Amino acid sequence: QLIEQMNRYIGQKDFRSAHPFAERLVGLLPEFPDARLSLGNILFYQKDWDGARKELSRALELNPRFTEARLNLAEIHLSRGEVSEAKFHLQAVLKYDSSNQTAHALLQKATKN
């Protein structure tokens, strides 16, 4: 029910309401990468870049193939002018999914910087 409620709020793009559910989920299952990904994405959409970066990085430690985590981390790095870090994540996405259009677009943006 916790996950269902959180996902319902996420589906409604009500990240403020989803946030406490994601926090509870991480508290209950700190080594569950999907919990970290959910919290990281919620923080990303709330523009809490430091919090998002921390949770998305932890999600990647637990599951290095999380494409969404890598893409969001790349966007955070680009917004901070950290081009080499952004490229690292984007190239990792393309290693697993060579046709990922978002990664290609962000990599093109990173290359222009």
PDB file of N, CA and C in Angstrom:
ATOM      1  N   GLN A   1       0.820  -1.200   0.000  1.00  0.00           N
ATOM      2  CA  GLN A   1       0.000   0.000   0.000  1.00  0.00           C
ATOM      3  C   GLN A   1       0.867   1.268   0.000  1.00  0.00           C
ATOM      4  N   LEU A   2       1.973   1.220   0.676  1.00  0.00           N
ATOM      5  CA  LEU A   2       2.896   2.355   0.707  1.00  0.00           C
ATOM      6  C   LEU A   2       3.377   2.705  -0.706  1.00  0.00           C
ATOM      7  N   ILE A   3       3.783   1.694  -1.436  1.00  0.00           N
ATOM      8  CA  ILE A   3       4.276   1.904  -2.803  1.00  0.00           C
ATOM      9  C   ILE A   3       3.138   2.380  -3.706  1.00  0.00           C
ATOM     10  N   GLU A   4       1.970   1.769  -3.546  1.00  0.00           N
ATOM     11  CA  GLU A   4       0.820   2.168  -4.367  1.00  0.00           C
ATOM     12  C   GLU A   4       0.468   3.636  -4.155  1.00  0.00           C
ATOM     13  N   GLN A   5       0.447   4.046  -2.903  1.00  0.00           N
ATOM     14  CA  GLN A   5       0.104   5.444  -2.597  1.00  0.00           C
ATOM     15  C   GLN A   5       1.155   6.395  -3.173  1.00  0.00           C
ATOM     16  N   MET A   6       2.427   6.037  -2.983  1.00  0.00           N
ATOM     17  CA  MET A   6       3.503   6.875  -3.521  1.00  0.00           C
ATOM     18  C   MET A   6       3.379   6.972  -5.043  1.00  0.00           C
ATOM     19  N   ASN A   7       3.175   5.837  -5.691  1.00  0.00           N
ATOM     20  CA  ASN A   7       3.059   5.833  -7.152  1.00  0.00           C
ATOM     21  C   ASN A   7       1.833   6.596  -7.638  1.00  0.00           C
ATOM     22  N   ARG A   8       0.768   6.575  -6.864  1.00  0.00           N
ATOM     23  CA  ARG A   8      -0.425   7.336  -7.232  1.00  0.00           C
ATOM     24  C   ARG A   8      -0.090   8.829  -7.255  1.00  0.00           C
ATOM     25  N   TYR A   9       0.600   9.307  -6.235  1.00  0.00           N
ATOM     26  CA  TYR A   9       0.984  10.718  -6.201  1.00  0.00           C
ATOM     27  C   TYR A   9       1.972  11.057  -7.317  1.00  0.00           C
ATOM     28  N   ILE A  10       2.916  10.148  -7.555  1.00  0.00           N
ATOM     29  CA  ILE A  10       3.875  10.383  -8.636  1.00  0.00           C
ATOM     30  C   ILE A  10       3.135  10.475  -9.965  1.00  0.00           C
ATOM     31  N   GLY A  11       2.185   9.578 -10.181  1.00  0.00           N
ATOM     32  CA  GLY A  11       1.394   9.599 -11.409  1.00  0.00           C
ATOM     33  C   GLY A  11       0.630  10.897 -11.598  1.00  0.00           C
ATOM     34  N   GLN A  12       0.262  11.525 -10.490  1.00  0.00           N
ATOM     35  CA  GLN A  12      -0.439  12.808 -10.530  1.00  0.00           C
ATOM     36  C   GLN A  12       0.538  13.984 -10.542  1.00  0.00           C
ATOM     37  N   LYS A  13       1.830  13.658 -10.556  1.00  0.00           N
ATOM     38  CA  LYS A  13       2.903  14.655 -10.509  1.00  0.00           C
ATOM     39  C   LYS A  13       2.828  15.509  -9.239  1.00  0.00           C
ATOM     40  N   ASP A  14       2.319  14.901  -8.176  1.00  0.00           N
ATOM     41  CA  ASP A  14       2.244  15.542  -6.870  1.00  0.00           C
ATOM     42  C   ASP A  14       3.429  15.030  -6.046  1.00  0.00           C
ATOM     43  N   PHE A  15       4.608  15.548  -6.368  1.00  0.00           N
ATOM     44  CA  PHE A  15       5.834  15.051  -5.768  1.00  0.00           C
ATOM     45  C   PHE A  15       5.948  15.420  -4.296  1.00  0.00           C
ATOM     46  N   ARG A  16       5.345  16.530  -3.922  1.00  0.00           N
ATOM     47  CA  ARG A  16       5.363  16.938  -2.515  1.00  0.00           C
ATOM     48  C   ARG A  16       4.645  15.910  -1.650  1.00  0.00           C
ATOM     49  N   SER A  17       3.507  15.417  -2.123  1.00  0.00           N
ATOM     50  CA  SER A  17       2.765  14.408  -1.367  1.00  0.00           C
ATOM     51  C   SER A  17       3.440  13.042  -1.438  1.00  0.00           C
ATOM     52  N   ALA A  18       4.125  12.748  -2.541  1.00  0.00           N
ATOM     53  CA  ALA A  18       4.799  11.456  -2.700  1.00  0.00           C
ATOM     54  C   ALA A  18       6.052  11.359  -1.837  1.00  0.00           C
ATOM     55  N   HIS A  19       6.659  12.504  -1.554  1.00  0.00           N
ATOM     56  CA  HIS A  19       7.939  12.544  -0.853  1.00  0.00           C
ATOM     57  C   HIS A  19       7.941  11.769   0.470  1.00  0.00           C
ATOM     58  N   PRO A  20       6.998  12.005   1.399  1.00  0.00           N
ATOM     59  CA  PRO A  20       7.069  11.267   2.671  1.00  0.00           C
ATOM     60  C   PRO A  20       6.918   9.753   2.507  1.00  0.00           C
ATOM     61  N   PHE A  21       6.172   9.330   1.498  1.00  0.00           N
ATOM     62  CA  PHE A  21       6.016   7.898   1.255  1.00  0.00           C
ATOM     63  C   PHE A  21       7.335   7.293   0.771  1.00  0.00           C
ATOM     64  N   ALA A  22       8.042   8.029  -0.085  1.00  0.00           N
ATOM     65  CA  ALA A  22       9.339   7.556  -0.562  1.00  0.00           C
ATOM     66  C   ALA A  22      10.355   7.519   0.584  1.00  0.00           C
ATOM     67  N   GLU A  23      10.310   8.512   1.447  1.00  0.00           N
ATOM     68  CA  GLU A  23      11.199   8.530   2.622  1.00  0.00           C
ATOM     69  C   GLU A  23      10.939   7.303   3.499  1.00  0.00           C
ATOM     70  N   ARG A  24       9.661   6.996   3.730  1.00  0.00           N
ATOM     71  CA  ARG A  24       9.311   5.818   4.535  1.00  0.00           C
ATOM     72  C   ARG A  24       9.791   4.540   3.872  1.00  0.00           C
ATOM     73  N   LEU A  25       9.633   4.466   2.569  1.00  0.00           N
ATOM     74  CA  LEU A  25      10.056   3.282   1.834  1.00  0.00           C
ATOM     75  C   LEU A  25      11.564   3.073   1.958  1.00  0.00           C
ATOM     76  N   VAL A  26      12.333   4.140   1.814  1.00  0.00           N
ATOM     77  CA  VAL A  26      13.789   4.050   1.969  1.00  0.00           C
ATOM     78  C   VAL A  26      14.141   3.666   3.403  1.00  0.00           C
ATOM     79  N   GLY A  27      13.399   4.205   4.369  1.00  0.00           N
ATOM     80  CA  GLY A  27      13.644   3.840   5.763  1.00  0.00           C
ATOM     81  C   GLY A  27      13.401   2.364   6.037  1.00  0.00           C
ATOM     82  N   LEU A  28      12.392   1.816   5.390  1.00  0.00           N
ATOM     83  CA  LEU A  28      12.067   0.401   5.573  1.00  0.00           C
ATOM     84  C   LEU A  28      12.993  -0.514   4.772  1.00  0.00           C
ATOM     85  N   LEU A  29      13.389  -0.058   3.586  1.00  0.00           N
ATOM     86  CA  LEU A  29      14.184  -0.887   2.668  1.00  0.00           C
ATOM     87  C   LEU A  29      15.382  -0.099   2.124  1.00  0.00           C
ATOM     88  N   PRO A  30      16.346   0.237   2.980  1.00  0.00           N
ATOM     89  CA  PRO A  30      17.443   1.114   2.544  1.00  0.00           C
ATOM     90  C   PRO A  30      18.334   0.519   1.455  1.00  0.00           C
ATOM     91  N   GLU A  31      18.353  -0.791   1.315  1.00  0.00           N
ATOM     92  CA  GLU A  31      19.198  -1.426   0.297  1.00  0.00           C
ATOM     93  C   GLU A  31      18.410  -1.813  -0.955  1.00  0.00           C
ATOM     94  N   PHE A  32      17.154  -1.380  -1.039  1.00  0.00           N
ATOM     95  CA  PHE A  32      16.316  -1.671  -2.194  1.00  0.00           C
ATOM     96  C   PHE A  32      16.515  -0.551  -3.206  1.00  0.00           C
ATOM     97  N   PRO A  33      17.175  -0.830  -4.345  1.00  0.00           N
ATOM     98  CA  PRO A  33      17.530   0.251  -5.274  1.00  0.00           C
ATOM     99  C   PRO A  33      16.334   1.019  -5.824  1.00  0.00           C
ATOM    100  N   ASP A  34      15.196   0.349  -6.006  1.00  0.00           N
ATOM    101  CA  ASP A  34      14.020   1.049  -6.528  1.00  0.00           C
ATOM    102  C   ASP A  34      13.508   2.108  -5.554  1.00  0.00           C
ATOM    103  N   ALA A  35      13.671   1.847  -4.251  1.00  0.00           N
ATOM    104  CA  ALA A  35      13.263   2.834  -3.253  1.00  0.00           C
ATOM    105  C   ALA A  35      14.127   4.084  -3.374  1.00  0.00           C
ATOM    106  N   ARG A  36      15.435   3.878  -3.517  1.00  0.00           N
ATOM    107  CA  ARG A  36      16.359   5.007  -3.670  1.00  0.00           C
ATOM    108  C   ARG A  36      16.086   5.769  -4.964  1.00  0.00           C
ATOM    109  N   LEU A  37      15.793   5.009  -6.020  1.00  0.00           N
ATOM    110  CA  LEU A  37      15.477   5.640  -7.303  1.00  0.00           C
ATOM    111  C   LEU A  37      14.219   6.497  -7.181  1.00  0.00           C
ATOM    112  N   SER A  38      13.198   5.967  -6.552  1.00  0.00           N
ATOM    113  CA  SER A  38      11.947   6.727  -6.390  1.00  0.00           C
ATOM    114  C   SER A  38      12.181   8.008  -5.617  1.00  0.00           C
ATOM    115  N   LEU A  39      12.868   7.902  -4.483  1.00  0.00           N
ATOM    116  CA  LEU A  39      13.139   9.096  -3.687  1.00  0.00           C
ATOM    117  C   LEU A  39      14.014  10.073  -4.464  1.00  0.00           C
ATOM    118  N   GLY A  40      15.022   9.570  -5.147  1.00  0.00           N
ATOM    119  CA  GLY A  40      15.892  10.441  -5.940  1.00  0.00           C
ATOM    120  C   GLY A  40      15.136  11.165  -7.035  1.00  0.00           C
ATOM    121  N   ASN A  41      14.244  10.455  -7.702  1.00  0.00           N
ATOM    122  CA  ASN A  41      13.459  11.088  -8.765  1.00  0.00           C
ATOM    123  C   ASN A  41      12.491  12.122  -8.208  1.00  0.00           C
ATOM    124  N   ILE A  42      11.885  11.820  -7.082  1.00  0.00           N
ATOM    125  CA  ILE A  42      10.985  12.797  -6.447  1.00  0.00           C
ATOM    126  C   ILE A  42      11.764  14.061  -6.093  1.00  0.00           C
ATOM    127  N   LEU A  43      12.932  13.889  -5.495  1.00  0.00           N
ATOM    128  CA  LEU A  43      13.762  15.048  -5.144  1.00  0.00           C
ATOM    129  C   LEU A  43      14.206  15.799  -6.398  1.00  0.00           C
ATOM    130  N   PHE A  44      14.499  15.061  -7.458  1.00  0.00           N
ATOM    131  CA  PHE A  44      14.878  15.676  -8.738  1.00  0.00           C
ATOM    132  C   PHE A  44      13.750  16.587  -9.232  1.00  0.00           C
ATOM    133  N   TYR A  45      12.537  16.082  -9.229  1.00  0.00           N
ATOM    134  CA  TYR A  45      11.408  16.879  -9.729  1.00  0.00           C
ATOM    135  C   TYR A  45      11.023  18.005  -8.779  1.00  0.00           C
ATOM    136  N   GLN A  46      11.460  17.907  -7.518  1.00  0.00           N
ATOM    137  CA  GLN A  46      11.265  19.004  -6.569  1.00  0.00           C
ATOM    138  C   GLN A  46      12.430  19.999  -6.627  1.00  0.00           C
ATOM    139  N   LYS A  47      13.386  19.715  -7.512  1.00  0.00           N
ATOM    140  CA  LYS A  47      14.567  20.560  -7.704  1.00  0.00           C
ATOM    141  C   LYS A  47      15.475  20.625  -6.470  1.00  0.00           C
ATOM    142  N   ASP A  48      15.460  19.558  -5.672  1.00  0.00           N
ATOM    143  CA  ASP A  48      16.400  19.403  -4.569  1.00  0.00           C
ATOM    144  C   ASP A  48      17.591  18.632  -5.135  1.00  0.00           C
ATOM    145  N   TRP A  49      18.474  19.373  -5.822  1.00  0.00           N
ATOM    146  CA  TRP A  49      19.559  18.738  -6.574  1.00  0.00           C
ATOM    147  C   TRP A  49      20.504  17.947  -5.697  1.00  0.00           C
ATOM    148  N   ASP A  50      20.869  18.477  -4.533  1.00  0.00           N
ATOM    149  CA  ASP A  50      21.800  17.752  -3.663  1.00  0.00           C
ATOM    150  C   ASP A  50      21.173  16.463  -3.147  1.00  0.00           C
ATOM    151  N   GLY A  51      19.928  16.548  -2.704  1.00  0.00           N
ATOM    152  CA  GLY A  51      19.238  15.349  -2.228  1.00  0.00           C
ATOM    153  C   GLY A  51      19.049  14.331  -3.334  1.00  0.00           C
ATOM    154  N   ALA A  52      18.675  14.811  -4.512  1.00  0.00           N
ATOM    155  CA  ALA A  52      18.477  13.917  -5.658  1.00  0.00           C
ATOM    156  C   ALA A  52      19.794  13.241  -6.033  1.00  0.00           C
ATOM    157  N   ARG A  53      20.837  14.023  -6.059  1.00  0.00           N
ATOM    158  CA  ARG A  53      22.153  13.483  -6.421  1.00  0.00           C
ATOM    159  C   ARG A  53      22.564  12.370  -5.464  1.00  0.00           C
ATOM    160  N   LYS A  54      22.344  12.591  -4.183  1.00  0.00           N
ATOM    161  CA  LYS A  54      22.699  11.590  -3.164  1.00  0.00           C
ATOM    162  C   LYS A  54      21.911  10.295  -3.370  1.00  0.00           C
ATOM    163  N   GLU A  55      20.600  10.409  -3.521  1.00  0.00           N
ATOM    164  CA  GLU A  55      19.760   9.210  -3.642  1.00  0.00           C
ATOM    165  C   GLU A  55      19.955   8.502  -4.979  1.00  0.00           C
ATOM    166  N   LEU A  56      20.089   9.265  -6.055  1.00  0.00           N
ATOM    167  CA  LEU A  56      20.309   8.645  -7.361  1.00  0.00           C
ATOM    168  C   LEU A  56      21.672   7.952  -7.405  1.00  0.00           C
ATOM    169  N   SER A  57      22.671   8.538  -6.786  1.00  0.00           N
ATOM    170  CA  SER A  57      23.991   7.910  -6.722  1.00  0.00           C
ATOM    171  C   SER A  57      23.931   6.611  -5.923  1.00  0.00           C
ATOM    172  N   ARG A  58      23.176   6.630  -4.837  1.00  0.00           N
ATOM    173  CA  ARG A  58      23.025   5.409  -4.033  1.00  0.00           C
ATOM    174  C   ARG A  58      22.270   4.340  -4.826  1.00  0.00           C
ATOM    175  N   ALA A  59      21.256   4.740  -5.569  1.00  0.00           N
ATOM    176  CA  ALA A  59      20.524   3.787  -6.411  1.00  0.00           C
ATOM    177  C   ALA A  59      21.477   3.132  -7.413  1.00  0.00           C
ATOM    178  N   LEU A  60      22.392   3.923  -7.970  1.00  0.00           N
ATOM    179  CA  LEU A  60      23.355   3.387  -8.936  1.00  0.00           C
ATOM    180  C   LEU A  60      24.379   2.466  -8.279  1.00  0.00           C
ATOM    181  N   GLU A  61      24.726   2.744  -7.034  1.00  0.00           N
ATOM    182  CA  GLU A  61      25.614   1.824  -6.320  1.00  0.00           C
ATOM    183  C   GLU A  61      24.940   0.458  -6.189  1.00  0.00           C
ATOM    184  N   LEU A  62      23.643   0.478  -5.953  1.00  0.00           N
ATOM    185  CA  LEU A  62      22.890  -0.761  -5.774  1.00  0.00           C
ATOM    186  C   LEU A  62      22.526  -1.425  -7.102  1.00  0.00           C
ATOM    187  N   ASN A  63      22.349  -0.616  -8.152  1.00  0.00           N
ATOM    188  CA  ASN A  63      22.018  -1.134  -9.482  1.00  0.00           C
ATOM    189  C   ASN A  63      22.605  -0.201 -10.543  1.00  0.00           C
ATOM    190  N   PRO A  64      23.815  -0.502 -11.030  1.00  0.00           N
ATOM    191  CA  PRO A  64      24.498   0.385 -11.982  1.00  0.00           C
ATOM    192  C   PRO A  64      23.792   0.574 -13.322  1.00  0.00           C
ATOM    193  N   ARG A  65      22.774  -0.211 -13.611  1.00  0.00           N
ATOM    194  CA  ARG A  65      22.081  -0.102 -14.907  1.00  0.00           C
ATOM    195  C   ARG A  65      20.808   0.730 -14.857  1.00  0.00           C
ATOM    196  N   PHE A  66      20.594   1.466 -13.794  1.00  0.00           N
ATOM    197  CA  PHE A  66      19.393   2.297 -13.706  1.00  0.00           C
ATOM    198  C   PHE A  66      19.516   3.478 -14.665  1.00  0.00           C
ATOM    199  N   THR A  67      18.931   3.342 -15.826  1.00  0.00           N
ATOM    200  CA  THR A  67      19.010   4.368 -16.860  1.00  0.00           C
ATOM    201  C   THR A  67      18.436   5.689 -16.376  1.00  0.00           C
ATOM    202  N   GLU A  68      17.266   5.647 -15.762  1.00  0.00           N
ATOM    203  CA  GLU A  68      16.611   6.880 -15.320  1.00  0.00           C
ATOM    204  C   GLU A  68      17.465   7.627 -14.301  1.00  0.00           C
ATOM    205  N   ALA A  69      18.108   6.891 -13.404  1.00  0.00           N
ATOM    206  CA  ALA A  69      18.985   7.522 -12.413  1.00  0.00           C
ATOM    207  C   ALA A  69      20.164   8.198 -13.109  1.00  0.00           C
ATOM    208  N   ARG A  70      20.741   7.515 -14.086  1.00  0.00           N
ATOM    209  CA  ARG A  70      21.887   8.093 -14.802  1.00  0.00           C
ATOM    210  C   ARG A  70      21.484   9.331 -15.598  1.00  0.00           C
ATOM    211  N   LEU A  71      20.331   9.277 -16.249  1.00  0.00           N
ATOM    212  CA  LEU A  71      19.883  10.434 -17.035  1.00  0.00           C
ATOM    213  C   LEU A  71      19.630  11.637 -16.133  1.00  0.00           C
ATOM    214  N   ASN A  72      18.980  11.412 -14.996  1.00  0.00           N
ATOM    215  CA  ASN A  72      18.709  12.529 -14.087  1.00  0.00           C
ATOM    216  C   ASN A  72      19.995  13.063 -13.472  1.00  0.00           C
ATOM    217  N   LEU A  73      20.928  12.171 -13.141  1.00  0.00           N
ATOM    218  CA  LEU A  73      22.224  12.638 -12.637  1.00  0.00           C
ATOM    219  C   LEU A  73      22.956  13.454 -13.705  1.00  0.00           C
ATOM    220  N   ALA A  74      22.885  13.005 -14.947  1.00  0.00           N
ATOM    221  CA  ALA A  74      23.529  13.750 -16.035  1.00  0.00           C
ATOM    222  C   ALA A  74      22.940  15.149 -16.145  1.00  0.00           C
ATOM    223  N   GLU A  75      21.622  15.255 -16.032  1.00  0.00           N
ATOM    224  CA  GLU A  75      20.987  16.581 -16.099  1.00  0.00           C
ATOM    225  C   GLU A  75      21.438  17.469 -14.947  1.00  0.00           C
ATOM    226  N   ILE A  76      21.550  16.902 -13.759  1.00  0.00           N
ATOM    227  CA  ILE A  76      22.024  17.674 -12.602  1.00  0.00           C
ATOM    228  C   ILE A  76      23.447  18.153 -12.869  1.00  0.00           C
ATOM    229  N   HIS A  77      24.300  17.257 -13.336  1.00  0.00           N
ATOM    230  CA  HIS A  77      25.697  17.636 -13.616  1.00  0.00           C
ATOM    231  C   HIS A  77      25.772  18.721 -14.695  1.00  0.00           C
ATOM    232  N   LEU A  78      24.970  18.576 -15.739  1.00  0.00           N
ATOM    233  CA  LEU A  78      24.974  19.604 -16.790  1.00  0.00           C
ATOM    234  C   LEU A  78      24.542  20.954 -16.249  1.00  0.00           C
ATOM    235  N   SER A  79      23.523  20.957 -15.400  1.00  0.00           N
ATOM    236  CA  SER A  79      23.033  22.236 -14.850  1.00  0.00           C
ATOM    237  C   SER A  79      24.083  22.906 -13.973  1.00  0.00           C
ATOM    238  N   ARG A  80      25.026  22.130 -13.474  1.00  0.00           N
ATOM    239  CA  ARG A  80      26.092  22.668 -12.622  1.00  0.00           C
ATOM    240  C   ARG A  80      27.394  22.888 -13.398  1.00  0.00           C
ATOM    241  N   GLY A  81      27.341  22.649 -14.710  1.00  0.00           N
ATOM    242  CA  GLY A  81      28.532  22.830 -15.525  1.00  0.00           C
ATOM    243  C   GLY A  81      29.550  21.716 -15.383  1.00  0.00           C
ATOM    244  N   GLU A  82      29.135  20.590 -14.815  1.00  0.00           N
ATOM    245  CA  GLU A  82      30.025  19.438 -14.612  1.00  0.00           C
ATOM    246  C   GLU A  82      29.894  18.499 -15.813  1.00  0.00           C
ATOM    247  N   VAL A  83      30.470  18.936 -16.921  1.00  0.00           N
ATOM    248  CA  VAL A  83      30.266  18.261 -18.204  1.00  0.00           C
ATOM    249  C   VAL A  83      30.867  16.861 -18.220  1.00  0.00           C
ATOM    250  N   SER A  84      32.063  16.686 -17.702  1.00  0.00           N
ATOM    251  CA  SER A  84      32.686  15.359 -17.769  1.00  0.00           C
ATOM    252  C   SER A  84      31.896  14.333 -16.960  1.00  0.00           C
ATOM    253  N   GLU A  85      31.354  14.747 -15.813  1.00  0.00           N
ATOM    254  CA  GLU A  85      30.525  13.841 -15.014  1.00  0.00           C
ATOM    255  C   GLU A  85      29.240  13.485 -15.757  1.00  0.00           C
ATOM    256  N   ALA A  86      28.649  14.472 -16.410  1.00  0.00           N
ATOM    257  CA  ALA A  86      27.430  14.220 -17.191  1.00  0.00           C
ATOM    258  C   ALA A  86      27.726  13.238 -18.317  1.00  0.00           C
ATOM    259  N   LYS A  87      28.824  13.468 -19.031  1.00  0.00           N
ATOM    260  CA  LYS A  87      29.180  12.573 -20.133  1.00  0.00           C
ATOM    261  C   LYS A  87      29.408  11.143 -19.647  1.00  0.00           C
ATOM    262  N   PHE A  88      30.019  10.997 -18.493  1.00  0.00           N
ATOM    263  CA  PHE A  88      30.249   9.669 -17.925  1.00  0.00           C
ATOM    264  C   PHE A  88      28.935   8.894 -17.806  1.00  0.00           C
ATOM    265  N   HIS A  89      27.922   9.536 -17.227  1.00  0.00           N
ATOM    266  CA  HIS A  89      26.632   8.869 -17.041  1.00  0.00           C
ATOM    267  C   HIS A  89      25.932   8.613 -18.367  1.00  0.00           C
ATOM    268  N   LEU A  90      26.011   9.561 -19.268  1.00  0.00           N
ATOM    269  CA  LEU A  90      25.349   9.395 -20.565  1.00  0.00           C
ATOM    270  C   LEU A  90      25.992   8.289 -21.390  1.00  0.00           C
ATOM    271  N   GLN A  91      27.301   8.209 -21.357  1.00  0.00           N
ATOM    272  CA  GLN A  91      27.983   7.137 -22.084  1.00  0.00           C
ATOM    273  C   GLN A  91      27.660   5.776 -21.475  1.00  0.00           C
ATOM    274  N   ALA A  92      27.485   5.735 -20.155  1.00  0.00           N
ATOM    275  CA  ALA A  92      27.093   4.476 -19.505  1.00  0.00           C
ATOM    276  C   ALA A  92      25.698   4.051 -19.956  1.00  0.00           C
ATOM    277  N   VAL A  93      24.776   5.001 -20.073  1.00  0.00           N
ATOM    278  CA  VAL A  93      23.430   4.687 -20.566  1.00  0.00           C
ATOM    279  C   VAL A  93      23.523   4.116 -21.969  1.00  0.00           C
ATOM    280  N   LEU A  94      24.298   4.764 -22.826  1.00  0.00           N
ATOM    281  CA  LEU A  94      24.403   4.338 -24.222  1.00  0.00           C
ATOM    282  C   LEU A  94      25.113   2.990 -24.357  1.00  0.00           C
ATOM    283  N   LYS A  95      25.935   2.652 -23.394  1.00  0.00           N
ATOM    284  CA  LYS A  95      26.580   1.341 -23.391  1.00  0.00           C
ATOM    285  C   LYS A  95      25.521   0.239 -23.271  1.00  0.00           C
ATOM    286  N   TYR A  96      24.500   0.475 -22.431  1.00  0.00           N
ATOM    287  CA  TYR A  96      23.437  -0.506 -22.213  1.00  0.00           C
ATOM    288  C   TYR A  96      22.297  -0.352 -23.211  1.00  0.00           C
ATOM    289  N   ASP A  97      22.096   0.869 -23.699  1.00  0.00           N
ATOM    290  CA  ASP A  97      20.959   1.152 -24.582  1.00  0.00           C
ATOM    291  C   ASP A  97      21.405   2.165 -25.639  1.00  0.00           C
ATOM    292  N   SER A  98      22.010   1.674 -26.694  1.00  0.00           N
ATOM    293  CA  SER A  98      22.625   2.551 -27.693  1.00  0.00           C
ATOM    294  C   SER A  98      21.627   3.427 -28.443  1.00  0.00           C
ATOM    295  N   SER A  99      20.341   3.107 -28.358  1.00  0.00           N
ATOM    296  CA  SER A  99      19.342   3.910 -29.078  1.00  0.00           C
ATOM    297  C   SER A  99      18.578   4.871 -28.165  1.00  0.00           C
ATOM    298  N   ASN A 100      19.053   5.062 -26.945  1.00  0.00           N
ATOM    299  CA  ASN A 100      18.356   5.934 -26.002  1.00  0.00           C
ATOM    300  C   ASN A 100      18.432   7.389 -26.489  1.00  0.00           C
ATOM    301  N   GLN A 101      17.301   7.900 -26.958  1.00  0.00           N
ATOM    302  CA  GLN A 101      17.253   9.237 -27.554  1.00  0.00           C
ATOM    303  C   GLN A 101      17.550  10.342 -26.544  1.00  0.00           C
ATOM    304  N   THR A 102      17.088  10.179 -25.322  1.00  0.00           N
ATOM    305  CA  THR A 102      17.350  11.195 -24.294  1.00  0.00           C
ATOM    306  C   THR A 102      18.843  11.293 -24.027  1.00  0.00           C
ATOM    307  N   ALA A 103      19.512  10.158 -23.910  1.00  0.00           N
ATOM    308  CA  ALA A 103      20.958  10.162 -23.672  1.00  0.00           C
ATOM    309  C   ALA A 103      21.695  10.809 -24.841  1.00  0.00           C
ATOM    310  N   HIS A 104      21.275  10.498 -26.066  1.00  0.00           N
ATOM    311  CA  HIS A 104      21.918  11.110 -27.240  1.00  0.00           C
ATOM    312  C   HIS A 104      21.725  12.630 -27.227  1.00  0.00           C
ATOM    313  N   ALA A 105      20.520  13.076 -26.922  1.00  0.00           N
ATOM    314  CA  ALA A 105      20.242  14.520 -26.903  1.00  0.00           C
ATOM    315  C   ALA A 105      21.044  15.222 -25.811  1.00  0.00           C
ATOM    316  N   LEU A 106      21.101  14.630 -24.633  1.00  0.00           N
ATOM    317  CA  LEU A 106      21.862  15.240 -23.543  1.00  0.00           C
ATOM    318  C   LEU A 106      23.359  15.217 -23.833  1.00  0.00           C
ATOM    319  N   LEU A 107      23.826  14.152 -24.458  1.00  0.00           N
ATOM    320  CA  LEU A 107      25.249  14.067 -24.805  1.00  0.00           C
ATOM    321  C   LEU A 107      25.602  15.142 -25.831  1.00  0.00           C
ATOM    322  N   GLN A 108      24.714  15.372 -26.770  1.00  0.00           N
ATOM    323  CA  GLN A 108      24.923  16.442 -27.750  1.00  0.00           C
ATOM    324  C   GLN A 108      24.976  17.800 -27.039  1.00  0.00           C
ATOM    325  N   LYS A 109      24.090  18.000 -26.096  1.00  0.00           N
ATOM    326  CA  LYS A 109      24.081  19.241 -25.304  1.00  0.00           C
ATOM    327  C   LYS A 109      25.379  19.375 -24.504  1.00  0.00           C
ATOM    328  N   ALA A 110      25.835  18.270 -23.918  1.00  0.00           N
ATOM    329  CA  ALA A 110      27.066  18.287 -23.121  1.00  0.00           C
ATOM    330  C   ALA A 110      28.285  18.581 -23.980  1.00  0.00           C
ATOM    331  N   THR A 111      28.275  18.080 -25.203  1.00  0.00           N
ATOM    332  CA  THR A 111      29.388  18.273 -26.119  1.00  0.00           C
ATOM    333  C   THR A 111      29.500  19.738 -26.543  1.00  0.00           C
ATOM    334  N   LYS A 112      28.370  20.436 -26.594  1.00  0.00           N
ATOM    335  CA  LYS A 112      28.377  21.862 -26.962  1.00  0.00           C
ATOM    336  C   LYS A 112      28.933  22.738 -25.858  1.00  0.00           C
ATOM    337  N   ASN A 113      28.904  22.235 -24.621  1.00  0.00           N
ATOM    338  CA  ASN A 113      29.387  23.033 -23.473  1.00  0.00           C
ATOM    339  C   ASN A 113      30.895  23.031 -23.389  1.00  0.00           C
TER     340      ASN A 113
END
